[in-house]
Amino acid sequence: MINIRKTSKYNRQRDEFIKHNIKAGKALVKTLKLFRENPNHPSLNLEKLRGSDYWTIRIDQGSRIFFMWIDSETALFMDIGKHDKYREY
């Protein structure tokens, strides 16, 4: 099972992401459960960003979690938001 650590930035962005949006909150919970159990689950669309140490997983069609691997069993969640945020990384 994968361990997840979260930055304060991720926590702030997560709160904004789910604020007043029950559907987004449910999708996030489902995504986190799948990731902990099997980070390579096809619906997560695990993807390494080219030219960086950052990875993404899909929450829904337009939203992603941005993270880095600390080791083979621990991920550090850095950010969450729209797919286009990948340009920041």
Protein backbone atom coordinates (compact mmCIF):
# COMPACT_ATOMS: atom_id res chain seq x y z
CA MET A 1 0.00 0.00 0.00
CA ILE A 2 1.29 3.46 -0.97
CA ASN A 3 1.86 6.07 1.74
CA ILE A 4 0.82 9.61 0.91
CA ARG A 5 2.34 12.77 2.35
CA LYS A 6 0.87 16.16 1.53
CA THR A 7 2.37 19.63 1.31
CA SER A 8 0.56 22.62 2.77
CA LYS A 9 0.07 23.89 -0.80
CA TYR A 10 -1.67 20.65 -1.74
CA ASN A 11 -3.93 20.91 1.33
CA ARG A 12 -4.91 24.50 0.49
CA GLN A 13 -5.58 23.66 -3.17
CA ARG A 14 -7.52 20.52 -2.18
CA ASP A 15 -9.80 22.57 0.04
CA GLU A 16 -10.47 24.96 -2.85
CA PHE A 17 -10.96 22.04 -5.25
CA ILE A 18 -13.71 20.42 -3.18
CA LYS A 19 -15.26 23.62 -1.80
CA HIS A 20 -18.99 23.58 -2.60
CA ASN A 21 -18.51 20.64 -4.97
CA ILE A 22 -19.64 17.29 -3.57
CA LYS A 23 -18.98 15.53 -6.88
CA ALA A 24 -15.33 16.63 -6.90
CA GLY A 25 -14.93 15.52 -3.29
CA LYS A 26 -16.29 12.05 -4.05
CA ALA A 27 -14.06 11.73 -7.11
CA LEU A 28 -11.04 12.73 -5.02
CA VAL A 29 -11.80 10.13 -2.33
CA LYS A 30 -12.15 7.43 -4.98
CA THR A 31 -8.88 8.48 -6.64
CA LEU A 32 -6.95 8.44 -3.36
CA LYS A 33 -8.26 4.98 -2.50
CA LEU A 34 -7.27 3.59 -5.91
CA PHE A 35 -3.84 5.22 -5.75
CA ARG A 36 -3.08 3.79 -2.30
CA GLU A 37 -4.10 0.30 -3.40
CA ASN A 38 -2.60 0.34 -6.91
CA PRO A 39 -0.90 3.46 -8.29
CA ASN A 40 -0.84 1.82 -11.72
CA HIS A 41 -4.61 1.39 -11.92
CA PRO A 42 -5.61 2.28 -15.51
CA SER A 43 -8.25 4.84 -14.50
CA LEU A 44 -5.60 6.93 -12.70
CA ASN A 45 -3.70 7.53 -15.94
CA LEU A 46 -0.41 7.75 -14.03
CA GLU A 47 1.95 9.93 -16.05
CA LYS A 48 5.43 11.34 -15.52
CA LEU A 49 5.79 14.93 -16.70
CA ARG A 50 8.51 15.16 -19.31
CA GLY A 51 11.69 16.82 -18.15
CA SER A 52 10.80 16.86 -14.44
CA ASP A 53 10.50 14.66 -11.36
CA TYR A 54 6.75 15.31 -11.14
CA TRP A 55 4.01 12.81 -11.86
CA THR A 56 0.24 13.21 -12.25
CA ILE A 57 -2.80 11.09 -11.60
CA ARG A 58 -6.26 11.78 -12.98
CA ILE A 59 -9.15 12.68 -10.70
CA ASP A 60 -11.58 13.32 -13.53
CA GLN A 61 -11.37 14.36 -17.17
CA GLY A 62 -9.95 17.81 -16.42
CA SER A 63 -8.36 17.55 -12.95
CA ARG A 64 -5.08 16.10 -11.72
CA ILE A 65 -3.00 15.54 -8.61
CA PHE A 66 0.65 16.53 -9.04
CA PHE A 67 3.16 14.62 -6.94
CA MET A 68 6.71 13.33 -6.55
CA TRP A 69 7.89 9.91 -5.43
CA ILE A 70 9.92 10.08 -2.20
CA ASP A 71 10.65 6.36 -2.44
CA SER A 72 8.96 3.31 -3.98
CA GLU A 73 6.23 3.30 -1.33
CA THR A 74 5.76 7.00 -0.55
CA ALA A 75 4.34 9.80 -2.68
CA LEU A 76 4.46 13.51 -1.81
CA PHE A 77 1.37 15.28 -3.12
CA MET A 78 2.40 18.77 -4.19
CA ASP A 79 -0.64 20.28 -5.92
CA ILE A 80 -4.12 19.57 -7.22
CA GLY A 81 -6.14 21.27 -9.91
CA LYS A 82 -6.87 21.59 -13.59
CA HIS A 83 -4.90 19.57 -16.08
CA ASP A 84 -3.28 22.73 -17.48
CA LYS A 85 -1.34 23.24 -14.24
CA TYR A 86 1.26 20.84 -15.62
CA ARG A 87 2.83 23.87 -17.34
CA GLU A 88 3.95 25.08 -13.91
CA TYR A 89 6.03 21.96 -13.44
